[in-house]
Amino acid sequence: MAEFSTNTREIGNVSVLEVNGYIDAHTAPQLEGAINDLITRNKYKIVVDFDGLKYISSAGLGVFMAFIETVRSNEGDIKLAAMQPNVFNIFDLLGFPLLYEITHSVDEAVTKFK
């Protein structure tokens, strides 16, 4: 079974969601739960730190699509940061750079909220 974990930390008024391991159909609900938890706490400025992520499937990509409208309608955003090249290629292939801001580092993504 694929391993996946999340950890959330705050940098000022921005929530940084660290994702580690593999996101697939089995682990996507964990990612969904982590983002949903932020939204229920009115945390709409979200940076997802992909530094520890090795793989993401279409199920994982769908999670981001499920929440982006809610987050943006509450004057927030989901910014994606620190992707490994193989993970970025999957996002790039599906046109995510047109929809989401993707940065090289978490700090860069956090700064974009200011």
C-alpha atoms as a PDB file:
ATOM      1  CA  MET A   1       0.000   0.000   0.000  1.00  0.00           C
ATOM      2  CA  ALA A   2       1.252   3.454  -0.893  1.00  0.00           C
ATOM      3  CA  GLU A   3       2.459   5.600   1.961  1.00  0.00           C
ATOM      4  CA  PHE A   4       1.182   9.136   2.327  1.00  0.00           C
ATOM      5  CA  SER A   5       1.242  11.721   5.082  1.00  0.00           C
ATOM      6  CA  THR A   6       0.436  15.385   5.534  1.00  0.00           C
ATOM      7  CA  ASN A   7       1.570  17.996   7.990  1.00  0.00           C
ATOM      8  CA  THR A   8       0.254  21.535   8.337  1.00  0.00           C
ATOM      9  CA  ARG A   9       2.129  24.555   9.623  1.00  0.00           C
ATOM     10  CA  GLU A  10       1.383  28.261   9.600  1.00  0.00           C
ATOM     11  CA  ILE A  11       3.607  31.004   8.199  1.00  0.00           C
ATOM     12  CA  GLY A  12       1.860  34.214   9.205  1.00  0.00           C
ATOM     13  CA  ASN A  13      -1.684  34.019   7.796  1.00  0.00           C
ATOM     14  CA  VAL A  14      -0.759  31.334   5.251  1.00  0.00           C
ATOM     15  CA  SER A  15      -1.285  27.603   5.876  1.00  0.00           C
ATOM     16  CA  VAL A  16       1.455  25.376   4.490  1.00  0.00           C
ATOM     17  CA  LEU A  17       0.290  21.828   3.792  1.00  0.00           C
ATOM     18  CA  GLU A  18       3.244  19.455   3.430  1.00  0.00           C
ATOM     19  CA  VAL A  19       2.475  16.334   1.406  1.00  0.00           C
ATOM     20  CA  ASN A  20       4.791  13.322   1.551  1.00  0.00           C
ATOM     21  CA  GLY A  21       4.916  10.006  -0.261  1.00  0.00           C
ATOM     22  CA  TYR A  22       2.393   8.973  -2.888  1.00  0.00           C
ATOM     23  CA  ILE A  23      -1.047  10.366  -3.753  1.00  0.00           C
ATOM     24  CA  ASP A  24      -3.235   7.879  -5.586  1.00  0.00           C
ATOM     25  CA  ALA A  25      -6.859   6.703  -5.450  1.00  0.00           C
ATOM     26  CA  HIS A  26      -6.249   5.155  -2.010  1.00  0.00           C
ATOM     27  CA  THR A  27      -4.513   8.151  -0.397  1.00  0.00           C
ATOM     28  CA  ALA A  28      -6.361  11.021  -2.145  1.00  0.00           C
ATOM     29  CA  PRO A  29      -9.104  11.013   0.555  1.00  0.00           C
ATOM     30  CA  GLN A  30      -6.407  11.854   3.147  1.00  0.00           C
ATOM     31  CA  LEU A  31      -5.351  14.859   1.060  1.00  0.00           C
ATOM     32  CA  GLU A  32      -9.006  15.829   0.673  1.00  0.00           C
ATOM     33  CA  GLY A  33      -9.476  15.617   4.443  1.00  0.00           C
ATOM     34  CA  ALA A  34      -6.422  17.794   5.108  1.00  0.00           C
ATOM     35  CA  ILE A  35      -7.602  20.549   2.729  1.00  0.00           C
ATOM     36  CA  ASN A  36     -11.179  20.283   3.990  1.00  0.00           C
ATOM     37  CA  ASP A  37      -9.884  20.723   7.546  1.00  0.00           C
ATOM     38  CA  LEU A  38      -8.174  23.982   6.554  1.00  0.00           C
ATOM     39  CA  ILE A  39     -11.339  25.268   4.862  1.00  0.00           C
ATOM     40  CA  THR A  40     -13.546  24.431   7.856  1.00  0.00           C
ATOM     41  CA  ARG A  41     -11.145  26.538   9.944  1.00  0.00           C
ATOM     42  CA  ASN A  42     -11.505  29.416   7.441  1.00  0.00           C
ATOM     43  CA  LYS A  43      -7.928  29.009   6.223  1.00  0.00           C
ATOM     44  CA  TYR A  44      -8.150  29.985   2.562  1.00  0.00           C
ATOM     45  CA  LYS A  45      -4.541  30.973   1.894  1.00  0.00           C
ATOM     46  CA  ILE A  46      -2.965  27.603   1.260  1.00  0.00           C
ATOM     47  CA  VAL A  47       0.487  26.645   0.007  1.00  0.00           C
ATOM     48  CA  VAL A  48       0.978  22.971  -0.765  1.00  0.00           C
ATOM     49  CA  ASP A  49       4.589  21.918  -0.171  1.00  0.00           C
ATOM     50  CA  PHE A  50       5.341  19.076  -2.597  1.00  0.00           C
ATOM     51  CA  ASP A  51       8.988  18.664  -1.589  1.00  0.00           C
ATOM     52  CA  GLY A  52       8.390  15.202  -0.079  1.00  0.00           C
ATOM     53  CA  LEU A  53       5.940  13.983  -2.723  1.00  0.00           C
ATOM     54  CA  LYS A  54       7.190  11.249  -5.027  1.00  0.00           C
ATOM     55  CA  TYR A  55       4.066  10.598  -7.124  1.00  0.00           C
ATOM     56  CA  ILE A  56       0.572  11.935  -7.778  1.00  0.00           C
ATOM     57  CA  SER A  57      -2.196  10.299  -9.809  1.00  0.00           C
ATOM     58  CA  SER A  58      -5.214  11.882 -11.461  1.00  0.00           C
ATOM     59  CA  ALA A  59      -7.188  11.165  -8.266  1.00  0.00           C
ATOM     60  CA  GLY A  60      -4.824  13.476  -6.392  1.00  0.00           C
ATOM     61  CA  LEU A  61      -5.068  16.170  -9.057  1.00  0.00           C
ATOM     62  CA  GLY A  62      -8.853  16.028  -8.782  1.00  0.00           C
ATOM     63  CA  VAL A  63      -8.661  16.949  -5.099  1.00  0.00           C
ATOM     64  CA  PHE A  64      -7.128  20.328  -5.964  1.00  0.00           C
ATOM     65  CA  MET A  65      -9.811  20.962  -8.580  1.00  0.00           C
ATOM     66  CA  ALA A  66     -12.524  20.112  -6.036  1.00  0.00           C
ATOM     67  CA  PHE A  67     -11.495  22.891  -3.632  1.00  0.00           C
ATOM     68  CA  ILE A  68     -10.106  25.715  -5.768  1.00  0.00           C
ATOM     69  CA  GLU A  69     -13.465  27.420  -6.402  1.00  0.00           C
ATOM     70  CA  THR A  70     -14.376  27.461  -2.684  1.00  0.00           C
ATOM     71  CA  VAL A  71     -10.960  28.793  -1.711  1.00  0.00           C
ATOM     72  CA  ARG A  72     -10.909  31.537  -4.363  1.00  0.00           C
ATOM     73  CA  SER A  73     -14.480  32.604  -3.639  1.00  0.00           C
ATOM     74  CA  ASN A  74     -13.282  33.283  -0.076  1.00  0.00           C
ATOM     75  CA  GLU A  75     -10.459  35.546  -1.309  1.00  0.00           C
ATOM     76  CA  GLY A  76      -7.835  32.843  -0.922  1.00  0.00           C
ATOM     77  CA  ASP A  77      -5.867  30.616  -3.243  1.00  0.00           C
ATOM     78  CA  ILE A  78      -4.038  27.316  -3.394  1.00  0.00           C
ATOM     79  CA  LYS A  79      -0.436  27.755  -4.491  1.00  0.00           C
ATOM     80  CA  LEU A  80       1.750  24.778  -5.320  1.00  0.00           C
ATOM     81  CA  ALA A  81       5.426  24.748  -4.333  1.00  0.00           C
ATOM     82  CA  ALA A  82       8.671  22.768  -4.437  1.00  0.00           C
ATOM     83  CA  MET A  83       7.614  20.002  -6.844  1.00  0.00           C
ATOM     84  CA  GLN A  84      10.006  17.284  -7.947  1.00  0.00           C
ATOM     85  CA  PRO A  85      10.435  17.338 -11.774  1.00  0.00           C
ATOM     86  CA  ASN A  86       8.435  14.118 -12.291  1.00  0.00           C
ATOM     87  CA  VAL A  87       5.523  15.482 -10.221  1.00  0.00           C
ATOM     88  CA  PHE A  88       5.638  18.855 -12.007  1.00  0.00           C
ATOM     89  CA  ASN A  89       5.510  17.073 -15.373  1.00  0.00           C
ATOM     90  CA  ILE A  90       2.159  15.492 -14.460  1.00  0.00           C
ATOM     91  CA  PHE A  91       0.707  18.876 -13.427  1.00  0.00           C
ATOM     92  CA  ASP A  92       2.201  20.533 -16.520  1.00  0.00           C
ATOM     93  CA  LEU A  93       0.799  17.890 -18.871  1.00  0.00           C
ATOM     94  CA  LEU A  94      -2.719  18.578 -17.560  1.00  0.00           C
ATOM     95  CA  GLY A  95      -2.450  22.367 -17.833  1.00  0.00           C
ATOM     96  CA  PHE A  96      -2.256  23.135 -14.120  1.00  0.00           C
ATOM     97  CA  PRO A  97       0.289  25.972 -14.560  1.00  0.00           C
ATOM     98  CA  LEU A  98      -2.498  27.914 -16.310  1.00  0.00           C
ATOM     99  CA  LEU A  99      -4.828  27.492 -13.316  1.00  0.00           C
ATOM    100  CA  TYR A 100      -2.460  27.504 -10.346  1.00  0.00           C
ATOM    101  CA  GLU A 101       0.605  29.436  -9.372  1.00  0.00           C
ATOM    102  CA  ILE A 102       3.494  26.976  -9.099  1.00  0.00           C
ATOM    103  CA  THR A 103       6.671  28.168  -7.383  1.00  0.00           C
ATOM    104  CA  HIS A 104      10.111  26.688  -6.758  1.00  0.00           C
ATOM    105  CA  SER A 105       9.966  27.206  -2.986  1.00  0.00           C
ATOM    106  CA  VAL A 106       7.435  27.470  -0.160  1.00  0.00           C
ATOM    107  CA  ASP A 107       8.822  30.882   0.827  1.00  0.00           C
ATOM    108  CA  GLU A 108       8.264  32.177  -2.709  1.00  0.00           C
ATOM    109  CA  ALA A 109       4.652  30.928  -2.661  1.00  0.00           C
ATOM    110  CA  VAL A 110       3.978  32.464   0.772  1.00  0.00           C
ATOM    111  CA  THR A 111       5.376  35.812  -0.429  1.00  0.00           C
ATOM    112  CA  LYS A 112       2.903  35.814  -3.346  1.00  0.00           C
ATOM    113  CA  PHE A 113       0.029  36.128  -0.824  1.00  0.00           C
ATOM    114  CA  LYS A 114       1.328  39.511   0.402  1.00  0.00           C
END
